[in-house]
Amino acid sequence: MAYDFELWRKRHVERSDLTTELVHLTRSKGDDQVALDSLFEILESGKLIGSTTFSGFIVGDTPAVCFQDAPLSAVGQNCWFEQTFREENTWAKKRYDPTGVMFSKTYVFEKGGRPVVYDRTSEAKIYLPGDQWWRIVNFDLSDRENIRDWSHEREWRIPNALNFKTSDVILLFSNNACVQEFIDKCDDAGKPFYRDARGITTMESVIG
């Protein structure tokens, strides 16, 4: 018997550390309202634009859209850790908000998305062709004073950009208050993205 989609899905469903969805989080410079505005703009454009070496941590000349291959409980823990870390270290760069979109892993794969390669950048550049350097995430545990390890995100990337329909995504919010604010924003604009989406969920409901 072949290891088909249903068996693959069943394996993931029965594992609390695995998921069949990929999460893309927004990154705003302000509060929840600004994050909701960013999400609205993304849905309005129907496009996720890739980060670059200058706007993100992408190696090479090809921009890439980033996702986390982790259950929502783990994504939520990543968000809260980042928030606490920034509060304690004001110099720290804001990486993302607990607001965004979720795509099925099979959908992203079909669009050209792939897991990243965790390795020292200089070494990965040797065995990967230049047009695949967007997949490299620097990984180095050799210096205890300067650890390079982002593997907790289990990152996937897709090169350049991702065009999508609202019906392809599950909308992700930090809490129910943000959901209601977003619904009000959509209604005011006459653009019912929340009705067209594949679903809606909150971080709050997952990690309590």
Protein backbone atom coordinates (compact mmCIF):
# COMPACT_ATOMS: atom_id res chain seq x y z
CA MET A 1 0.00 0.00 0.00
CA ALA A 2 1.33 3.41 -0.96
CA TYR A 3 2.12 6.10 1.58
CA ASP A 4 -0.60 8.37 0.24
CA PHE A 5 -1.98 11.75 1.28
CA GLU A 6 -4.43 10.32 3.82
CA LEU A 7 -1.75 8.29 5.59
CA TRP A 8 0.58 11.29 5.53
CA ARG A 9 -2.14 13.50 7.00
CA LYS A 10 -3.05 10.90 9.65
CA ARG A 11 0.58 10.71 10.80
CA HIS A 12 0.66 14.47 11.23
CA VAL A 13 -2.71 14.67 12.99
CA GLU A 14 -1.58 12.12 15.57
CA ARG A 15 1.64 14.01 16.35
CA SER A 16 1.45 17.13 18.52
CA ASP A 17 4.78 18.38 17.17
CA LEU A 18 3.86 18.17 13.48
CA THR A 19 1.44 20.08 11.24
CA THR A 20 0.07 20.00 7.70
CA GLU A 21 -0.15 23.82 7.64
CA LEU A 22 2.46 26.53 7.19
CA VAL A 23 2.20 29.89 8.96
CA HIS A 24 3.23 33.26 7.55
CA LEU A 25 3.20 36.02 10.17
CA THR A 26 2.96 39.74 9.53
CA ARG A 27 5.60 42.14 10.70
CA SER A 28 4.44 45.63 11.60
CA LYS A 29 6.14 48.48 13.45
CA GLY A 30 3.23 49.20 15.75
CA ASP A 31 0.40 47.70 17.77
CA ASP A 32 -2.34 45.14 17.03
CA GLN A 33 -4.23 47.64 14.89
CA VAL A 34 -1.21 48.17 12.64
CA ALA A 35 -0.79 44.40 12.35
CA LEU A 36 -4.44 44.09 11.29
CA ASP A 37 -3.91 46.83 8.70
CA SER A 38 -0.94 44.87 7.33
CA LEU A 39 -3.02 41.70 7.10
CA PHE A 40 -5.83 43.58 5.35
CA GLU A 41 -3.37 44.98 2.79
CA ILE A 42 -1.94 41.52 2.14
CA LEU A 43 -5.40 40.06 1.49
CA GLU A 44 -6.37 43.04 -0.64
CA SER A 45 -3.31 42.56 -2.85
CA GLY A 46 -3.56 38.76 -2.89
CA LYS A 47 0.21 38.62 -2.73
CA LEU A 48 3.01 37.94 -0.26
CA ILE A 49 6.18 39.75 -1.30
CA GLY A 50 9.47 38.09 -0.47
CA SER A 51 12.01 39.55 1.94
CA THR A 52 15.51 40.35 0.72
CA THR A 53 19.01 40.46 2.16
CA PHE A 54 18.26 44.04 3.24
CA SER A 55 14.69 43.63 4.58
CA GLY A 56 15.17 40.16 6.07
CA PHE A 57 17.83 37.49 6.42
CA ILE A 58 17.81 36.09 2.90
CA VAL A 59 21.05 34.86 1.36
CA GLY A 60 21.67 35.67 -2.30
CA ASP A 61 19.81 37.84 -4.80
CA THR A 62 16.45 36.02 -4.80
CA PRO A 63 13.82 37.37 -2.39
CA ALA A 64 11.86 34.78 -0.41
CA VAL A 65 8.59 34.52 1.50
CA CYS A 66 9.01 32.84 4.89
CA PHE A 67 6.77 30.36 6.74
CA GLN A 68 6.96 28.42 9.99
CA ASP A 69 6.41 24.67 9.78
CA ALA A 70 5.23 24.33 13.38
CA PRO A 71 1.92 23.70 15.20
CA LEU A 72 0.12 26.87 16.26
CA SER A 73 0.97 26.20 19.89
CA ALA A 74 4.67 26.35 18.99
CA VAL A 75 4.23 29.38 16.74
CA GLY A 76 2.46 31.12 19.62
CA GLN A 77 5.31 30.26 21.98
CA ASN A 78 7.77 31.71 19.45
CA CYS A 79 5.74 34.93 19.32
CA TRP A 80 5.51 35.34 23.09
CA PHE A 81 9.22 34.62 23.52
CA GLU A 82 10.06 37.25 20.89
CA GLN A 83 7.79 39.78 22.62
CA THR A 84 9.34 39.18 26.04
CA PHE A 85 12.84 39.25 24.56
CA ARG A 86 12.20 42.66 22.95
CA GLU A 87 10.82 44.03 26.22
CA GLU A 88 14.00 42.98 28.01
CA ASN A 89 16.33 43.96 25.14
CA THR A 90 15.20 47.20 23.53
CA TRP A 91 17.83 46.87 20.79
CA ALA A 92 16.25 43.67 19.47
CA LYS A 93 14.66 43.80 16.01
CA LYS A 94 10.95 43.03 15.76
CA ARG A 95 10.61 39.87 13.70
CA TYR A 96 6.85 39.23 13.53
CA ASP A 97 3.42 39.69 15.11
CA PRO A 98 0.98 36.93 16.19
CA THR A 99 -1.17 37.80 13.15
CA GLY A 100 -1.01 36.29 9.69
CA VAL A 101 -2.15 33.60 7.30
CA MET A 102 -1.91 29.83 7.14
CA PHE A 103 -1.57 27.76 3.97
CA SER A 104 -1.68 24.01 3.54
CA LYS A 105 1.80 22.56 3.17
CA THR A 106 0.85 20.83 -0.08
CA TYR A 107 -0.31 24.18 -1.52
CA VAL A 108 2.99 25.91 -0.73
CA PHE A 109 4.97 22.95 -2.07
CA GLU A 110 3.07 23.09 -5.38
CA LYS A 111 3.89 26.82 -5.58
CA GLY A 112 7.61 26.09 -5.29
CA GLY A 113 8.04 26.38 -1.51
CA ARG A 114 10.63 24.19 0.18
CA PRO A 115 12.15 23.64 3.64
CA VAL A 116 15.19 25.78 4.26
CA VAL A 117 18.70 24.40 4.62
CA TYR A 118 20.16 24.98 8.09
CA ASP A 119 23.94 25.16 7.81
CA ARG A 120 26.84 27.57 7.97
CA THR A 121 26.20 29.96 5.11
CA SER A 122 29.74 29.64 3.75
CA GLU A 123 29.45 25.84 3.63
CA ALA A 124 25.93 25.72 2.19
CA LYS A 125 26.99 28.02 -0.64
CA ILE A 126 29.48 25.35 -1.74
CA TYR A 127 26.95 22.56 -2.34
CA LEU A 128 23.91 24.63 -3.33
CA PRO A 129 23.75 26.41 -6.71
CA GLY A 130 23.42 30.19 -6.54
CA ASP A 131 19.77 30.14 -7.58
CA GLN A 132 18.99 28.10 -4.45
CA TRP A 133 20.78 30.28 -1.89
CA TRP A 134 17.41 31.74 -0.81
CA ARG A 135 16.93 28.46 1.07
CA ILE A 136 20.01 28.96 3.30
CA VAL A 137 19.57 29.88 6.96
CA ASN A 138 22.82 30.38 8.83
CA PHE A 139 23.32 27.73 11.54
CA ASP A 140 26.37 27.66 13.78
CA LEU A 141 26.67 26.46 17.38
CA SER A 142 30.44 26.68 17.60
CA ASP A 143 30.62 30.04 19.43
CA ARG A 144 28.68 30.04 22.72
CA GLU A 145 28.80 33.84 22.77
CA ASN A 146 27.25 34.13 19.31
CA ILE A 147 24.80 31.28 18.67
CA ARG A 148 23.21 31.16 15.21
CA ASP A 149 20.19 28.89 15.45
CA TRP A 150 16.70 29.64 14.07
CA SER A 151 15.74 25.99 13.65
CA HIS A 152 12.95 26.40 16.24
CA GLU A 153 10.94 27.98 13.39
CA ARG A 154 11.30 24.92 11.14
CA GLU A 155 11.25 27.41 8.30
CA TRP A 156 10.00 26.97 4.76
CA ARG A 157 10.53 29.55 2.03
CA ILE A 158 9.15 30.26 -1.41
CA PRO A 159 11.22 32.29 -3.90
CA ASN A 160 10.24 35.80 -5.00
CA ALA A 161 6.53 36.10 -4.10
CA LEU A 162 3.33 34.12 -3.58
CA ASN A 163 0.10 35.05 -5.33
CA PHE A 164 -2.96 33.56 -3.68
CA LYS A 165 -6.73 33.80 -3.23
CA THR A 166 -8.33 34.52 0.13
CA SER A 167 -10.03 31.12 -0.08
CA ASP A 168 -6.56 29.53 0.07
CA VAL A 169 -5.84 30.79 3.59
CA ILE A 170 -6.81 30.45 7.22
CA LEU A 171 -6.66 33.82 8.97
CA LEU A 172 -4.66 33.94 12.18
CA PHE A 173 -5.14 36.49 14.97
CA SER A 174 -3.76 36.91 18.48
CA ASN A 175 -7.19 36.94 20.19
CA ASN A 176 -10.95 37.28 19.66
CA ALA A 177 -10.86 41.07 20.11
CA CYS A 178 -8.54 41.31 17.10
CA VAL A 179 -10.88 39.07 15.10
CA GLN A 180 -13.79 41.43 15.78
CA GLU A 181 -11.71 44.48 14.90
CA PHE A 182 -10.74 42.86 11.63
CA ILE A 183 -14.35 41.94 10.83
CA ASP A 184 -15.39 45.55 11.48
CA LYS A 185 -12.58 46.80 9.24
CA CYS A 186 -13.65 44.45 6.43
CA ASP A 187 -17.31 45.44 6.75
CA ASP A 188 -16.46 49.14 6.70
CA ALA A 189 -14.45 48.62 3.51
CA GLY A 190 -17.05 46.35 1.91
CA LYS A 191 -14.47 43.59 1.53
CA PRO A 192 -15.54 40.50 3.52
CA PHE A 193 -12.20 38.71 3.58
CA TYR A 194 -13.21 36.91 6.78
CA ARG A 195 -16.10 35.24 4.94
CA ASP A 196 -14.00 34.21 1.95
CA ALA A 197 -11.15 32.69 3.96
CA ARG A 198 -10.74 28.95 4.54
CA GLY A 199 -11.11 29.57 8.27
CA ILE A 200 -10.24 31.78 11.23
CA THR A 201 -8.30 30.90 14.38
CA THR A 202 -6.55 32.66 17.26
CA MET A 203 -3.32 32.11 19.13
CA GLU A 204 -5.21 32.65 22.37
CA SER A 205 -7.46 29.66 21.72
CA VAL A 206 -4.49 27.39 21.12
CA ILE A 207 -2.13 28.27 23.95
CA GLY A 208 -4.74 29.59 26.41
